[in-house]
Protein backbone atom coordinates (compact mmCIF):
# COMPACT_ATOMS: atom_id res chain seq x y z
CA MET A 1 108.39 105.11 101.05
CA LYS A 2 105.27 106.35 102.81
CA VAL A 3 105.10 107.27 106.48
CA THR A 4 103.14 105.03 108.86
CA ILE A 5 101.67 106.00 112.21
CA SER A 6 101.73 103.01 114.58
CA PRO A 7 99.65 103.57 117.74
CA SER A 8 101.38 102.09 120.79
CA LEU A 9 98.94 100.23 123.01
CA LEU A 10 101.30 100.70 125.97
CA SER A 11 99.70 104.12 126.46
CA ALA A 12 96.10 103.04 125.85
CA ASN A 13 93.40 102.61 128.48
CA ILE A 14 92.91 98.83 128.58
CA TYR A 15 89.24 99.34 129.51
CA ASN A 16 88.66 101.35 126.34
CA LEU A 17 90.46 99.22 123.77
CA GLU A 18 87.41 98.09 121.83
CA LYS A 19 86.41 101.69 121.19
CA ASP A 20 90.01 102.61 120.34
CA PHE A 21 90.14 99.82 117.77
CA GLU A 22 86.94 101.12 116.19
CA ILE A 23 88.72 104.45 115.73
CA PHE A 24 91.82 102.72 114.31
CA ASN A 25 89.63 100.97 111.74
CA GLU A 26 87.74 104.15 110.92
CA LYS A 27 90.99 106.11 110.42
CA GLY A 28 92.61 103.40 108.33
CA VAL A 29 95.43 102.66 110.78
CA GLU A 30 97.56 99.98 109.10
CA VAL A 31 99.94 98.99 111.92
CA ILE A 32 99.33 98.61 115.65
CA HIS A 33 102.38 98.46 117.93
CA ILE A 34 102.06 96.06 120.86
CA ASP A 35 104.70 95.94 123.59
CA LEU A 36 105.05 92.56 125.27
CA MET A 37 107.14 92.73 128.46
CA ASP A 38 108.12 89.97 130.86
CA GLY A 39 109.01 91.95 133.98
CA HIS A 40 112.65 90.81 133.67
CA TYR A 41 114.21 92.48 130.64
CA VAL A 42 112.25 95.56 131.66
CA PRO A 43 110.49 95.95 135.04
CA ASN A 44 107.03 96.43 133.55
CA ILE A 45 104.49 93.79 132.47
CA THR A 46 101.95 94.49 129.73
CA PHE A 47 99.98 92.45 127.21
CA GLY A 48 100.17 88.67 127.12
CA ILE A 49 99.49 86.15 124.38
CA TYR A 50 95.81 85.68 125.25
CA GLN A 51 95.11 89.42 125.23
CA ILE A 52 96.79 89.76 121.84
CA GLU A 53 94.76 86.84 120.50
CA ALA A 54 91.54 88.51 121.70
CA LEU A 55 92.49 91.88 120.16
CA ARG A 56 93.27 90.18 116.83
CA LYS A 57 89.54 89.75 116.28
CA LEU A 58 88.96 93.51 116.36
CA THR A 59 90.93 94.58 113.29
CA LYS A 60 92.71 93.50 110.11
CA ALA A 61 95.58 95.92 110.80
CA GLU A 62 99.09 94.54 111.11
CA PHE A 63 100.03 93.52 114.64
CA ASP A 64 103.65 94.52 115.23
CA VAL A 65 104.79 93.00 118.53
CA HIS A 66 107.83 94.50 120.24
CA LEU A 67 109.32 91.87 122.54
CA MET A 68 110.95 93.35 125.63
CA VAL A 69 111.81 89.98 127.13
CA THR A 70 114.88 88.01 128.18
CA ASP A 71 114.02 84.95 126.06
CA PRO A 72 112.38 86.10 122.80
CA ASP A 73 112.54 82.67 121.16
CA MET A 74 109.95 81.17 123.50
CA PHE A 75 107.35 83.73 122.35
CA ILE A 76 107.70 83.35 118.58
CA MET A 77 105.39 80.37 117.95
CA PRO A 78 102.68 81.46 120.45
CA LEU A 79 102.61 84.91 118.82
CA PHE A 80 102.37 83.34 115.36
CA ASP A 81 99.44 81.23 116.57
CA ALA A 82 97.81 84.36 118.01
CA GLY A 83 97.77 85.99 114.57
CA VAL A 84 100.69 88.40 114.92
CA ASN A 85 102.17 89.71 111.65
CA ALA A 86 105.55 91.07 112.79
CA ILE A 87 107.94 90.51 115.68
CA THR A 88 110.70 92.84 116.83
CA VAL A 89 113.31 91.51 119.24
CA HIS A 90 115.95 93.43 121.15
CA ALA A 91 119.57 93.15 120.07
CA GLU A 92 120.55 93.25 123.73
CA SER A 93 118.51 90.15 124.69
CA SER A 94 118.85 88.00 121.55
CA LEU A 95 121.64 85.51 122.21
CA HIS A 96 121.27 83.92 118.77
CA MET A 97 119.87 86.80 116.76
CA TYR A 98 120.49 85.33 113.31
CA LYS A 99 118.67 82.09 114.20
CA THR A 100 115.82 84.02 115.84
CA LEU A 101 115.28 86.22 112.80
CA VAL A 102 115.37 83.26 110.40
CA THR A 103 112.76 81.47 112.52
CA ILE A 104 110.45 84.50 112.40
CA LYS A 105 110.92 84.83 108.63
CA GLU A 106 110.27 81.15 107.98
CA LEU A 107 106.88 81.52 109.68
CA GLY A 108 105.99 84.29 107.23
CA MET A 109 106.15 87.14 109.74
CA LYS A 110 108.06 90.40 109.36
CA THR A 111 111.32 90.68 111.28
CA GLY A 112 112.62 93.55 113.35
CA VAL A 113 115.39 94.34 115.79
CA ALA A 114 115.22 97.10 118.39
CA LEU A 115 118.23 99.04 119.62
CA ASN A 116 118.29 100.71 123.01
CA PRO A 117 119.65 104.28 123.16
CA ALA A 118 123.16 103.16 124.15
CA THR A 119 123.38 100.27 121.65
CA SER A 120 125.44 100.82 118.51
CA LEU A 121 124.19 100.28 114.98
CA GLY A 122 127.14 97.93 114.60
CA ALA A 123 125.14 95.29 116.48
CA LEU A 124 123.13 94.76 113.29
CA GLU A 125 125.99 94.62 110.80
CA HIS A 126 125.52 90.94 109.97
CA VAL A 127 121.71 90.80 110.01
CA PHE A 128 120.62 93.94 108.11
CA HIS A 129 119.71 91.78 105.10
CA LEU A 130 117.24 89.77 107.22
CA LEU A 131 115.33 92.77 108.56
CA ASP A 132 112.00 94.29 107.64
CA ARG A 133 112.28 96.86 110.44
CA VAL A 134 114.95 98.45 112.57
CA LEU A 135 113.47 100.03 115.68
CA ILE A 136 115.42 102.93 117.16
CA MET A 137 114.42 103.40 120.78
CA SER A 138 114.38 107.12 121.50
CA VAL A 139 113.71 106.48 125.21
CA GLU A 140 114.82 103.75 127.57
CA PRO A 141 112.41 100.82 127.08
CA GLY A 142 109.75 99.77 129.55
CA PHE A 143 107.47 102.72 130.29
CA GLY A 144 105.40 105.19 128.29
CA GLY A 145 105.31 108.95 128.69
CA GLN A 146 109.08 109.55 128.61
CA PHE A 147 110.84 112.46 126.89
CA PHE A 148 112.44 112.02 123.48
CA LEU A 149 116.25 111.62 123.48
CA HIS A 150 117.50 114.03 120.82
CA ASN A 151 120.70 112.12 120.10
CA SER A 152 118.38 109.54 118.51
CA LEU A 153 118.15 111.84 115.47
CA ASP A 154 121.82 111.32 114.64
CA LYS A 155 121.42 107.57 115.07
CA ILE A 156 118.43 107.49 112.71
CA ALA A 157 120.32 109.57 110.14
CA LYS A 158 123.33 107.22 110.28
CA LEU A 159 121.06 104.20 109.93
CA ASN A 160 119.32 105.77 106.95
CA LYS A 161 122.70 106.35 105.31
CA ILE A 162 123.61 102.67 105.80
CA LYS A 163 120.26 101.69 104.31
CA GLN A 164 120.66 103.90 101.24
CA GLU A 165 124.29 103.00 100.57
CA ASN A 166 123.59 99.26 100.72
CA ASN A 167 120.13 99.31 99.16
CA TYR A 168 118.54 97.55 102.14
CA ASP A 169 114.74 97.18 102.23
CA PHE A 170 114.10 97.58 105.96
CA THR A 171 111.90 100.35 107.35
CA ILE A 172 113.30 102.63 110.04
CA GLN A 173 110.95 102.71 113.00
CA VAL A 174 111.24 105.06 115.97
CA ASP A 175 109.58 104.64 119.36
CA GLY A 176 109.61 106.89 122.40
CA GLY A 177 108.59 110.43 123.23
CA ILE A 178 107.13 111.27 119.82
CA THR A 179 105.01 114.42 119.84
CA ALA A 180 103.62 116.93 117.38
CA ASP A 181 106.73 119.04 118.08
CA ASN A 182 109.33 116.46 117.03
CA ILE A 183 107.65 114.12 114.53
CA GLU A 184 108.89 116.22 111.59
CA GLU A 185 112.49 115.89 112.78
CA VAL A 186 112.45 112.08 112.94
CA ILE A 187 110.82 111.81 109.52
CA LYS A 188 113.28 114.22 107.91
CA VAL A 189 116.28 112.14 109.06
CA GLY A 190 114.80 108.90 107.73
CA ALA A 191 112.22 107.34 110.05
CA ARG A 192 109.12 106.08 108.23
CA ASP A 193 107.29 104.02 110.87
CA ILE A 194 106.45 106.33 113.76
CA VAL A 195 105.29 104.68 116.98
CA ILE A 196 103.20 107.10 119.00
CA GLY A 197 101.82 106.45 122.47
CA SER A 198 100.99 109.13 125.03
CA SER A 199 100.59 111.90 122.44
CA LEU A 200 97.88 109.88 120.68
CA PHE A 201 95.95 108.51 123.62
CA LYS A 202 96.02 111.58 125.85
CA GLY A 203 92.84 113.44 124.93
CA ASP A 204 90.70 112.66 121.89
CA LEU A 205 92.27 109.75 119.98
CA SER A 206 90.51 110.51 116.70
CA GLU A 207 91.46 114.19 116.74
CA ASN A 208 95.06 113.36 117.68
CA ILE A 209 95.42 110.93 114.76
CA ASN A 210 94.10 113.65 112.43
CA LYS A 211 96.57 116.16 113.89
CA PHE A 212 99.58 113.94 113.24
CA TRP A 213 98.43 113.08 109.72
CA LYS A 214 98.11 116.78 108.88
CA ILE A 215 101.72 117.36 109.96
CA ILE A 216 102.93 114.41 107.89
CA GLU A 217 100.98 115.44 104.79
CA LYS A 218 102.73 118.82 104.76
CA LEU A 219 106.18 117.26 104.56
CA GLU A 220 107.92 116.82 101.23
CA ILE A 221 109.48 113.35 101.43
């Protein structure tokens, strides 16, 4: 399975998004990670439905929306109508996770569940077969620019073992504190969808994308 770089718009300059999307299209970025927060599940507030709908017109790349909200179900249909391709909900806030994932799937969108650093992989035991993505949070959710939690590597490795032993199809995604110094580590233990925020948008976006791709291309996976 190939490695994907998913730029996280949480770290982008909202006044420069049109130019950033031009670079995404030029570089062949296939997935764009959009954090939607309600100010309750996490204290921050970011993109809303109308902003996502407006951004949809700028690219054909997959929109992967990470819901950091207390009531994920209320966002599913509006996000579908806005042109979103994939929705990831948090295990910690999904009261009826099985039903939520089935609803997302029935609309033709990809499904994902995110796990906070302190949440066990066991939370997904009965829904692994419904998942297109499992998102391992390698920082506490809500804010960009945090440092990578190294115990996430063991969690990713254990998840990858579960995936291989049971022949599951989901992709392992990691989000939080990814830099040029640790991206190799997360890929080597099994992550294939790498969400990158501050390390991409700080400085020259185009050059930073090239830098990460060069690191990935050197790996034998």
